[in-house]
Amino acid sequence: MRVKKTQNNLEHIPSSKTLLYCLMNEVQWLSLLKEKPYQKLIDHIKTLAEIKRDSSSPPITIKEIAEAINDKRVTKWLPQIVEDLIELNWDRPELFKKEGHDYLYDLHFVDPYGNKPFSFSVMGN
């Protein structure tokens, strides 16, 4: 399944780079995904998220990440990580609940290079 955003009847499929930067902004949820084949990628995303980057920093490339983790499946795994987070939310919503909030999960992805963000909320009981 590909991650899709629909707005005004237009379909937007985020690029691998957009998904990467979005996941770097939501690393707190990545630790919920355990024993997955893409664990090396999750660990690398967490490391990248810790590095202070600003708009003058060169963008991170998918090729650099593939070389760093010694695996070419990065573009396959990025949408899979997002899909697995969504599925985990449906199966175990209590993992995503924050005290004082009526919704269980509000995921808002923004990448620092100005690409379109996407977000969704899963409402709770």
Foldseek 3Di string as FASTA:
>chain_A
DFDWDADPNDIDGDALLQLLQQCLVVLVLLVVDPPDPCVLVNVVSPVVSPDDDAPVDDRDDLVVSCVVSVHNCSRVVSRVSVVVSVVCCVVPLVVQCDPPDQFSHWRWGDGRNPDDIDIDTHGDD
